[in-house]
N, C-alpha and C. Protein backbone atom coordinates (compact mmCIF):
# COMPACT_ATOMS: atom_id res chain seq x y z
N MET A 1 125.64 116.95 67.69
CA MET A 1 125.33 115.91 68.67
C MET A 1 125.49 114.55 68.02
N ASN A 2 126.07 113.64 68.78
CA ASN A 2 126.16 112.27 68.26
C ASN A 2 124.90 111.51 68.62
N SER A 3 124.78 110.29 68.11
CA SER A 3 123.54 109.52 68.29
C SER A 3 123.31 109.15 69.75
N GLN A 4 124.39 108.91 70.49
CA GLN A 4 124.23 108.56 71.91
C GLN A 4 123.67 109.76 72.69
N THR A 5 124.13 110.95 72.36
CA THR A 5 123.63 112.16 73.00
C THR A 5 122.17 112.39 72.63
N ASN A 6 121.81 112.13 71.36
CA ASN A 6 120.41 112.27 70.92
C ASN A 6 119.50 111.33 71.69
N VAL A 7 119.93 110.09 71.86
CA VAL A 7 119.13 109.11 72.59
C VAL A 7 118.94 109.55 74.04
N LEU A 8 120.02 110.01 74.66
CA LEU A 8 119.94 110.47 76.04
C LEU A 8 119.01 111.68 76.16
N TYR A 9 119.10 112.61 75.21
CA TYR A 9 118.24 113.79 75.18
C TYR A 9 116.77 113.38 75.04
N LEU A 10 116.47 112.45 74.12
CA LEU A 10 115.11 111.97 73.92
C LEU A 10 114.58 111.26 75.17
N GLN A 11 115.43 110.42 75.78
CA GLN A 11 115.01 109.71 76.99
C GLN A 11 114.67 110.70 78.10
N THR A 12 115.50 111.74 78.25
CA THR A 12 115.25 112.74 79.27
C THR A 12 113.92 113.45 79.02
N ASN A 13 113.66 113.82 77.76
CA ASN A 13 112.39 114.47 77.43
C ASN A 13 111.20 113.57 77.69
N VAL A 14 111.31 112.29 77.30
CA VAL A 14 110.23 111.34 77.54
C VAL A 14 110.01 111.17 79.04
N ASN A 15 111.09 111.02 79.81
CA ASN A 15 110.97 110.87 81.26
C ASN A 15 110.32 112.10 81.89
N ASN A 16 110.69 113.30 81.41
CA ASN A 16 110.08 114.53 81.92
C ASN A 16 108.59 114.57 81.60
N MET A 17 108.21 114.15 80.37
CA MET A 17 106.80 114.13 79.99
C MET A 17 106.02 113.15 80.85
N VAL A 18 106.60 111.96 81.09
CA VAL A 18 105.93 110.95 81.91
C VAL A 18 105.77 111.48 83.33
N THR A 19 106.82 112.11 83.87
CA THR A 19 106.75 112.65 85.22
C THR A 19 105.67 113.72 85.32
N GLU A 20 105.58 114.61 84.32
CA GLU A 20 104.55 115.64 84.32
C GLU A 20 103.15 115.02 84.28
N LYS A 21 102.96 113.99 83.43
CA LYS A 21 101.66 113.32 83.35
C LYS A 21 101.32 112.66 84.68
N GLN A 22 102.33 112.02 85.33
CA GLN A 22 102.09 111.38 86.62
C GLN A 22 101.68 112.43 87.66
N LYS A 23 102.37 113.57 87.66
CA LYS A 23 102.02 114.64 88.60
C LYS A 23 100.60 115.13 88.35
N GLU A 24 100.27 115.31 87.07
CA GLU A 24 98.93 115.78 86.70
C GLU A 24 97.88 114.76 87.15
N HIS A 25 98.13 113.48 86.88
CA HIS A 25 97.18 112.43 87.27
C HIS A 25 97.05 112.37 88.79
N THR A 26 98.18 112.48 89.50
CA THR A 26 98.17 112.42 90.96
C THR A 26 97.37 113.60 91.52
N SER A 27 97.56 114.79 90.96
CA SER A 27 96.81 115.94 91.48
C SER A 27 95.32 115.80 91.16
N ASP A 28 94.99 115.26 89.97
CA ASP A 28 93.58 115.02 89.63
C ASP A 28 92.98 113.99 90.57
N LEU A 29 93.73 112.93 90.88
CA LEU A 29 93.26 111.88 91.78
C LEU A 29 93.09 112.43 93.20
N THR A 30 94.01 113.28 93.61
CA THR A 30 93.90 113.91 94.93
C THR A 30 92.63 114.76 95.00
N ALA A 31 92.33 115.48 93.94
CA ALA A 31 91.12 116.30 93.90
C ALA A 31 89.87 115.43 93.98
N VAL A 32 89.87 114.28 93.30
CA VAL A 32 88.72 113.37 93.36
C VAL A 32 88.59 112.79 94.77
N ASN A 33 89.71 112.37 95.36
CA ASN A 33 89.67 111.82 96.72
C ASN A 33 89.09 112.84 97.70
N LYS A 34 89.52 114.08 97.56
CA LYS A 34 89.02 115.15 98.43
C LYS A 34 87.52 115.36 98.22
N ALA A 35 87.09 115.39 96.95
CA ALA A 35 85.67 115.59 96.63
C ALA A 35 84.82 114.44 97.16
N ILE A 36 85.33 113.22 97.09
CA ILE A 36 84.60 112.05 97.62
C ILE A 36 84.42 112.19 99.13
N LYS A 37 85.48 112.59 99.83
CA LYS A 37 85.40 112.75 101.29
C LYS A 37 84.37 113.82 101.66
N VAL A 38 84.40 114.94 100.95
CA VAL A 38 83.44 116.03 101.21
C VAL A 38 82.02 115.54 100.94
N TYR A 39 81.84 114.84 99.84
CA TYR A 39 80.52 114.33 99.47
C TYR A 39 79.95 113.44 100.57
N PHE A 40 80.74 112.48 101.05
CA PHE A 40 80.23 111.57 102.08
C PHE A 40 80.10 112.25 103.44
N ARG A 41 80.91 113.24 103.71
CA ARG A 41 80.75 114.02 104.94
C ARG A 41 79.40 114.75 104.91
N ASN A 42 79.04 115.30 103.75
CA ASN A 42 77.75 115.98 103.61
C ASN A 42 76.59 115.00 103.72
N ILE A 43 76.75 113.80 103.18
CA ILE A 43 75.70 112.79 103.31
C ILE A 43 75.52 112.44 104.78
N ASP A 44 76.64 112.28 105.51
CA ASP A 44 76.56 111.96 106.94
C ASP A 44 75.81 113.04 107.72
N LYS A 45 76.02 114.30 107.38
CA LYS A 45 75.37 115.40 108.08
C LYS A 45 73.86 115.39 107.87
N SER A 46 73.44 114.97 106.69
CA SER A 46 72.01 115.04 106.35
C SER A 46 71.26 113.74 106.60
N SER A 47 71.91 112.75 107.15
CA SER A 47 71.27 111.45 107.31
C SER A 47 71.39 110.95 108.75
N ARG A 48 70.40 110.20 109.17
CA ARG A 48 70.48 109.60 110.51
C ARG A 48 71.34 108.34 110.50
N VAL A 49 71.55 107.74 109.33
CA VAL A 49 72.41 106.57 109.19
C VAL A 49 73.77 107.04 108.70
N LYS A 50 74.80 106.80 109.48
CA LYS A 50 76.13 107.30 109.16
C LYS A 50 76.85 106.36 108.19
N VAL A 51 77.62 106.96 107.28
CA VAL A 51 78.34 106.20 106.27
C VAL A 51 79.64 105.64 106.81
N LYS A 52 80.27 106.36 107.73
CA LYS A 52 81.56 105.97 108.29
C LYS A 52 82.60 105.80 107.19
N ALA A 53 82.70 106.81 106.37
CA ALA A 53 83.64 106.78 105.25
C ALA A 53 84.63 107.94 105.36
N LYS A 54 85.13 108.14 106.58
CA LYS A 54 86.01 109.28 106.84
C LYS A 54 87.26 109.29 105.95
N ASN A 55 87.87 108.16 105.79
CA ASN A 55 89.11 108.09 105.02
C ASN A 55 88.93 107.40 103.67
N ILE A 56 87.76 107.51 103.11
CA ILE A 56 87.46 106.86 101.84
C ILE A 56 88.26 107.50 100.71
N THR A 57 88.75 106.65 99.81
CA THR A 57 89.42 107.14 98.61
C THR A 57 88.58 106.72 97.40
N TYR A 58 88.93 107.27 96.28
CA TYR A 58 88.24 106.96 95.03
C TYR A 58 88.27 105.46 94.75
N SER A 59 89.43 104.85 94.89
CA SER A 59 89.55 103.40 94.64
C SER A 59 88.78 102.58 95.66
N ASP A 60 88.83 102.99 96.93
CA ASP A 60 88.10 102.28 97.99
C ASP A 60 86.59 102.33 97.76
N PHE A 61 86.13 103.43 97.22
CA PHE A 61 84.71 103.64 96.99
C PHE A 61 84.11 102.50 96.17
N PHE A 62 84.82 102.01 95.15
CA PHE A 62 84.29 100.96 94.28
C PHE A 62 84.23 99.60 94.97
N GLU A 63 84.94 99.45 96.07
CA GLU A 63 84.93 98.19 96.82
C GLU A 63 83.75 98.12 97.79
N ASN A 64 83.16 99.24 98.12
CA ASN A 64 82.09 99.28 99.11
C ASN A 64 80.74 99.47 98.41
N LYS A 65 80.08 98.36 98.15
CA LYS A 65 78.81 98.41 97.39
C LYS A 65 77.72 99.18 98.14
N MET A 66 77.74 99.16 99.46
CA MET A 66 76.74 99.92 100.22
C MET A 66 76.93 101.42 100.03
N LEU A 67 78.18 101.87 99.94
CA LEU A 67 78.43 103.29 99.67
C LEU A 67 77.96 103.65 98.26
N ILE A 68 78.18 102.75 97.32
CA ILE A 68 77.75 103.00 95.95
C ILE A 68 76.23 103.14 95.90
N ILE A 69 75.53 102.23 96.57
CA ILE A 69 74.07 102.30 96.61
C ILE A 69 73.62 103.62 97.23
N ARG A 70 74.26 103.98 98.30
CA ARG A 70 73.93 105.23 98.99
C ARG A 70 74.13 106.44 98.07
N ALA A 71 75.26 106.44 97.35
CA ALA A 71 75.56 107.54 96.43
C ALA A 71 74.54 107.60 95.30
N ILE A 72 74.15 106.44 94.78
CA ILE A 72 73.17 106.40 93.70
C ILE A 72 71.85 106.99 94.17
N ARG A 73 71.42 106.59 95.33
CA ARG A 73 70.13 107.07 95.85
C ARG A 73 70.16 108.56 96.20
N GLN A 74 71.32 109.02 96.68
CA GLN A 74 71.48 110.43 97.05
C GLN A 74 71.62 111.31 95.81
N GLY A 75 72.32 110.80 94.80
CA GLY A 75 72.65 111.58 93.61
C GLY A 75 74.01 112.22 93.75
N LEU A 76 74.78 112.21 92.69
CA LEU A 76 76.11 112.84 92.72
C LEU A 76 75.99 114.32 92.39
N PRO A 77 76.72 115.15 93.11
CA PRO A 77 76.74 116.57 92.75
C PRO A 77 77.59 116.77 91.50
N TYR A 78 77.27 117.80 90.75
CA TYR A 78 78.03 118.07 89.52
C TYR A 78 79.50 118.31 89.84
N THR A 79 79.80 118.89 90.99
CA THR A 79 81.20 119.17 91.34
C THR A 79 82.01 117.88 91.42
N LEU A 80 81.44 116.83 92.00
CA LEU A 80 82.14 115.54 92.06
C LEU A 80 82.22 114.92 90.66
N PHE A 81 81.14 115.01 89.91
CA PHE A 81 81.14 114.50 88.54
C PHE A 81 82.26 115.15 87.73
N SER A 82 82.44 116.46 87.87
CA SER A 82 83.46 117.15 87.08
C SER A 82 84.86 116.67 87.45
N LYS A 83 85.08 116.33 88.71
CA LYS A 83 86.39 115.78 89.13
C LYS A 83 86.59 114.40 88.53
N ILE A 84 85.54 113.59 88.54
CA ILE A 84 85.61 112.25 87.95
C ILE A 84 85.85 112.37 86.45
N LYS A 85 85.14 113.29 85.83
CA LYS A 85 85.26 113.50 84.38
C LYS A 85 86.70 113.82 83.98
N GLU A 86 87.41 114.56 84.83
CA GLU A 86 88.80 114.94 84.55
C GLU A 86 89.75 113.75 84.51
N ILE A 87 89.44 112.69 85.23
CA ILE A 87 90.37 111.55 85.27
C ILE A 87 89.91 110.37 84.41
N THR A 88 88.86 110.57 83.66
CA THR A 88 88.40 109.54 82.74
C THR A 88 88.80 109.92 81.32
N PRO A 89 88.89 108.94 80.44
CA PRO A 89 89.31 109.25 79.07
C PRO A 89 88.15 109.69 78.17
N PHE A 90 87.01 110.02 78.75
CA PHE A 90 85.83 110.34 77.95
C PHE A 90 85.68 111.84 77.75
N SER A 91 85.30 112.22 76.55
CA SER A 91 85.05 113.63 76.23
C SER A 91 83.66 114.02 76.75
N GLU A 92 83.36 115.29 76.66
CA GLU A 92 82.03 115.76 77.06
C GLU A 92 80.96 115.15 76.17
N ASP A 93 81.28 114.98 74.88
CA ASP A 93 80.34 114.32 73.96
C ASP A 93 80.08 112.88 74.38
N ASP A 94 81.16 112.17 74.78
CA ASP A 94 81.02 110.79 75.25
C ASP A 94 80.10 110.74 76.46
N TRP A 95 80.36 111.64 77.44
CA TRP A 95 79.55 111.66 78.66
C TRP A 95 78.09 111.94 78.34
N ALA A 96 77.85 112.89 77.46
CA ALA A 96 76.47 113.23 77.10
C ALA A 96 75.78 112.01 76.50
N GLU A 97 76.50 111.27 75.65
CA GLU A 97 75.92 110.09 75.03
C GLU A 97 75.67 108.99 76.07
N TYR A 98 76.64 108.73 76.92
CA TYR A 98 76.49 107.68 77.94
C TYR A 98 75.36 108.00 78.91
N LEU A 99 75.22 109.27 79.26
CA LEU A 99 74.18 109.67 80.21
C LEU A 99 72.83 109.93 79.55
N ASN A 100 72.82 109.84 78.22
CA ASN A 100 71.60 110.09 77.45
C ASN A 100 71.05 111.49 77.75
N LEU A 101 71.98 112.45 77.79
CA LEU A 101 71.66 113.85 77.99
C LEU A 101 72.28 114.65 76.85
N SER A 102 71.76 115.81 76.59
CA SER A 102 72.41 116.66 75.59
C SER A 102 73.61 117.34 76.23
N LYS A 103 74.54 117.73 75.38
CA LYS A 103 75.72 118.46 75.85
C LYS A 103 75.30 119.77 76.51
N LYS A 104 74.28 120.37 75.96
CA LYS A 104 73.76 121.63 76.49
C LYS A 104 73.22 121.45 77.91
N THR A 105 72.55 120.33 78.15
CA THR A 105 72.02 120.04 79.49
C THR A 105 73.17 119.88 80.48
N LEU A 106 74.21 119.16 80.08
CA LEU A 106 75.39 119.01 80.95
C LEU A 106 76.00 120.37 81.26
N GLN A 107 76.09 121.22 80.28
CA GLN A 107 76.64 122.56 80.48
C GLN A 107 75.76 123.38 81.43
N ARG A 108 74.46 123.22 81.32
CA ARG A 108 73.53 123.93 82.20
C ARG A 108 73.71 123.45 83.65
N HIS A 109 73.89 122.14 83.83
CA HIS A 109 74.10 121.58 85.17
C HIS A 109 75.39 122.11 85.79
N ARG A 110 76.39 122.32 84.94
CA ARG A 110 77.68 122.82 85.42
C ARG A 110 77.50 124.19 86.09
N ASN A 111 76.55 124.98 85.62
CA ASN A 111 76.34 126.32 86.15
C ASN A 111 75.49 126.35 87.42
N ASP A 112 74.91 125.22 87.78
CA ASP A 112 74.07 125.13 88.99
C ASP A 112 74.91 124.53 90.12
N ALA A 113 75.31 125.35 91.07
CA ALA A 113 76.22 124.91 92.15
C ALA A 113 75.63 123.79 93.00
N ASN A 114 74.32 123.69 93.09
CA ASN A 114 73.69 122.68 93.95
C ASN A 114 73.10 121.50 93.18
N TYR A 115 73.44 121.38 91.91
CA TYR A 115 72.81 120.34 91.10
C TYR A 115 73.26 118.95 91.54
N LEU A 116 72.27 118.06 91.70
CA LEU A 116 72.52 116.64 91.95
C LEU A 116 71.96 115.85 90.78
N PHE A 117 72.78 114.93 90.25
CA PHE A 117 72.30 114.07 89.17
C PHE A 117 71.23 113.13 89.69
N LYS A 118 70.29 112.78 88.84
CA LYS A 118 69.26 111.80 89.18
C LYS A 118 69.94 110.45 89.42
N PRO A 119 69.28 109.56 90.18
CA PRO A 119 69.88 108.25 90.45
C PRO A 119 70.30 107.48 89.18
N ILE A 120 69.50 107.53 88.14
CA ILE A 120 69.85 106.79 86.93
C ILE A 120 71.14 107.32 86.30
N HIS A 121 71.34 108.63 86.34
CA HIS A 121 72.56 109.22 85.80
C HIS A 121 73.74 108.98 86.74
N THR A 122 73.48 109.06 88.04
CA THR A 122 74.53 108.80 89.03
C THR A 122 75.05 107.39 88.88
N GLU A 123 74.15 106.43 88.70
CA GLU A 123 74.57 105.04 88.53
C GLU A 123 75.47 104.88 87.30
N LYS A 124 75.12 105.53 86.21
CA LYS A 124 75.92 105.44 84.99
C LYS A 124 77.29 106.10 85.18
N ILE A 125 77.33 107.23 85.87
CA ILE A 125 78.60 107.91 86.15
C ILE A 125 79.51 106.99 86.96
N ILE A 126 78.94 106.35 87.97
CA ILE A 126 79.72 105.45 88.82
C ILE A 126 80.20 104.24 88.03
N GLU A 127 79.34 103.70 87.17
CA GLU A 127 79.74 102.56 86.34
C GLU A 127 80.93 102.92 85.45
N LEU A 128 80.85 104.07 84.80
CA LEU A 128 81.94 104.48 83.91
C LEU A 128 83.21 104.79 84.70
N ALA A 129 83.05 105.37 85.87
CA ALA A 129 84.21 105.64 86.73
C ALA A 129 84.86 104.33 87.17
N GLU A 130 84.03 103.34 87.49
CA GLU A 130 84.55 102.04 87.91
C GLU A 130 85.33 101.36 86.78
N VAL A 131 84.78 101.39 85.58
CA VAL A 131 85.48 100.80 84.42
C VAL A 131 86.81 101.51 84.20
N THR A 132 86.79 102.83 84.27
CA THR A 132 88.01 103.60 84.06
C THR A 132 89.04 103.31 85.14
N ASN A 133 88.60 103.26 86.37
CA ASN A 133 89.52 102.98 87.48
C ASN A 133 90.19 101.62 87.29
N PHE A 134 89.40 100.60 86.94
CA PHE A 134 89.96 99.26 86.75
C PHE A 134 90.81 99.21 85.48
N GLY A 135 90.36 99.87 84.43
CA GLY A 135 91.11 99.90 83.18
C GLY A 135 92.49 100.50 83.34
N LYS A 136 92.60 101.54 84.17
CA LYS A 136 93.89 102.16 84.42
C LYS A 136 94.80 101.24 85.23
N GLU A 137 94.22 100.38 86.07
CA GLU A 137 95.01 99.40 86.81
C GLU A 137 95.55 98.33 85.87
N VAL A 138 94.73 97.92 84.90
CA VAL A 138 95.09 96.83 83.99
C VAL A 138 96.13 97.29 82.96
N PHE A 139 95.94 98.49 82.42
CA PHE A 139 96.85 98.99 81.39
C PHE A 139 97.89 99.91 82.02
N ASP A 140 99.00 100.08 81.31
CA ASP A 140 100.10 100.89 81.84
C ASP A 140 99.81 102.38 81.84
N SER A 141 98.92 102.82 80.97
CA SER A 141 98.65 104.25 80.89
C SER A 141 97.20 104.49 80.47
N THR A 142 96.76 105.69 80.72
CA THR A 142 95.42 106.09 80.31
C THR A 142 95.30 106.00 78.79
N GLU A 143 96.38 106.39 78.09
CA GLU A 143 96.37 106.37 76.63
C GLU A 143 96.16 104.95 76.09
N GLN A 144 96.88 103.97 76.69
CA GLN A 144 96.71 102.57 76.26
C GLN A 144 95.30 102.08 76.54
N PHE A 145 94.77 102.45 77.69
CA PHE A 145 93.41 102.06 78.03
C PHE A 145 92.41 102.67 77.05
N TYR A 146 92.57 103.95 76.74
CA TYR A 146 91.67 104.63 75.81
C TYR A 146 91.76 103.99 74.42
N LEU A 147 92.97 103.63 74.01
CA LEU A 147 93.15 102.96 72.72
C LEU A 147 92.40 101.63 72.72
N TRP A 148 92.53 100.87 73.81
CA TRP A 148 91.83 99.59 73.91
C TRP A 148 90.31 99.80 73.86
N LEU A 149 89.82 100.82 74.56
CA LEU A 149 88.39 101.10 74.57
C LEU A 149 87.84 101.38 73.17
N ASN A 150 88.67 101.95 72.32
CA ASN A 150 88.22 102.37 71.00
C ASN A 150 88.71 101.50 69.86
N THR A 151 89.14 100.28 70.19
CA THR A 151 89.58 99.31 69.19
C THR A 151 88.63 98.12 69.23
N PRO A 152 88.11 97.71 68.07
CA PRO A 152 87.22 96.53 68.06
C PRO A 152 87.91 95.32 68.69
N SER A 153 87.15 94.60 69.50
CA SER A 153 87.69 93.45 70.22
C SER A 153 87.01 92.16 69.74
N TYR A 154 87.81 91.22 69.35
CA TYR A 154 87.30 89.93 68.90
C TYR A 154 86.49 89.28 70.02
N ALA A 155 86.99 89.37 71.25
CA ALA A 155 86.34 88.76 72.41
C ALA A 155 84.98 89.40 72.72
N LEU A 156 84.78 90.60 72.22
CA LEU A 156 83.52 91.31 72.46
C LEU A 156 82.70 91.43 71.18
N GLY A 157 82.78 90.42 70.35
CA GLY A 157 81.98 90.38 69.12
C GLY A 157 82.40 91.43 68.11
N ASN A 158 83.68 91.77 68.09
CA ASN A 158 84.24 92.79 67.18
C ASN A 158 83.64 94.17 67.40
N LEU A 159 83.10 94.39 68.58
CA LEU A 159 82.62 95.73 68.95
C LEU A 159 83.72 96.43 69.74
N LYS A 160 83.69 97.74 69.72
CA LYS A 160 84.61 98.52 70.55
C LYS A 160 84.07 98.46 71.98
N PRO A 161 84.95 98.22 72.97
CA PRO A 161 84.48 98.22 74.36
C PRO A 161 83.71 99.48 74.72
N ALA A 162 84.13 100.64 74.21
CA ALA A 162 83.44 101.90 74.52
C ALA A 162 81.98 101.86 74.07
N GLU A 163 81.69 101.15 72.98
CA GLU A 163 80.31 101.04 72.50
C GLU A 163 79.44 100.25 73.47
N LEU A 164 80.05 99.32 74.18
CA LEU A 164 79.30 98.46 75.10
C LEU A 164 79.00 99.16 76.43
N LEU A 165 79.66 100.26 76.70
CA LEU A 165 79.49 100.94 77.99
C LEU A 165 78.18 101.71 78.10
N LYS A 166 77.36 101.66 77.08
CA LYS A 166 76.10 102.40 77.10
C LYS A 166 75.06 101.77 78.01
N ASP A 167 75.22 100.49 78.33
CA ASP A 167 74.26 99.85 79.24
C ASP A 167 75.00 98.95 80.24
N SER A 168 74.31 98.55 81.28
CA SER A 168 74.91 97.79 82.38
C SER A 168 75.42 96.42 81.94
N TYR A 169 74.70 95.76 81.06
CA TYR A 169 75.15 94.44 80.61
C TYR A 169 76.44 94.56 79.81
N GLY A 170 76.52 95.58 78.98
CA GLY A 170 77.73 95.82 78.21
C GLY A 170 78.90 96.16 79.12
N LYS A 171 78.62 96.95 80.15
CA LYS A 171 79.66 97.31 81.13
C LYS A 171 80.20 96.06 81.80
N GLU A 172 79.33 95.11 82.13
CA GLU A 172 79.78 93.86 82.75
C GLU A 172 80.66 93.05 81.79
N LEU A 173 80.32 93.05 80.50
CA LEU A 173 81.16 92.37 79.51
C LEU A 173 82.54 93.01 79.44
N VAL A 174 82.58 94.34 79.45
CA VAL A 174 83.85 95.06 79.40
C VAL A 174 84.68 94.77 80.66
N MET A 175 84.03 94.79 81.82
CA MET A 175 84.74 94.50 83.07
C MET A 175 85.28 93.06 83.06
N GLY A 176 84.49 92.14 82.53
CA GLY A 176 84.93 90.75 82.42
C GLY A 176 86.15 90.62 81.52
N GLU A 177 86.14 91.34 80.41
CA GLU A 177 87.27 91.30 79.49
C GLU A 177 88.50 91.94 80.12
N LEU A 178 88.32 93.03 80.83
CA LEU A 178 89.44 93.66 81.54
C LEU A 178 90.01 92.70 82.58
N ASN A 179 89.13 91.97 83.25
CA ASN A 179 89.57 90.97 84.23
C ASN A 179 90.41 89.89 83.57
N ARG A 180 89.97 89.41 82.42
CA ARG A 180 90.73 88.37 81.69
C ARG A 180 92.09 88.91 81.25
N ILE A 181 92.12 90.13 80.78
CA ILE A 181 93.39 90.74 80.37
C ILE A 181 94.30 90.85 81.58
N ASP A 182 93.75 91.29 82.72
CA ASP A 182 94.52 91.42 83.94
C ASP A 182 95.11 90.09 84.39
N GLN A 183 94.35 89.01 84.19
CA GLN A 183 94.79 87.67 84.58
C GLN A 183 95.67 87.01 83.51
N GLY A 184 95.80 87.67 82.36
CA GLY A 184 96.62 87.11 81.28
C GLY A 184 95.91 86.08 80.45
N ILE A 185 94.58 86.09 80.48
CA ILE A 185 93.77 85.14 79.70
C ILE A 185 93.25 85.86 78.47
N PHE A 186 93.74 85.48 77.30
CA PHE A 186 93.31 86.13 76.07
C PHE A 186 92.47 85.17 75.24
N ALA A 187 91.38 85.70 74.70
CA ALA A 187 90.47 84.88 73.89
C ALA A 187 91.04 84.62 72.52
């Protein structure tokens, strides 16, 4: 093979890998969108106040603060959490640390089909999902976003953004920095 053929072969392989990742991400996102719709349909059935979120998507969910409040108060089911977990760059260890739960506790919840997270844990799950959703919009890929999360940032006091996600104030700093990056404003 000559060098031009090698380059073409490599480009084709890279394009195939990107296409596979896009398909995987799209199917994961479709699963989350479906789980969100089911979740709010169930909330509507059990409540006298209707959510009116028939066509809600994962991205739309973060725009509607009243739905977020409702979800926090209701608690997220583990099934929805597991779908969210699949599209975030966080490991099970990361989730356990962010939620201030042991890994064993998370595994136990996975086995309970009717488990609902407490409001405090639901709020943290939604916060991390929101950061991830916005981070993926700002960066070209999940990998770039994950790299940014785990690289010390001068603008964030030389801390890794992932370290700041443990509390709400830190999450706001990370969201602010993502906003500045999105707007092209670098510190």
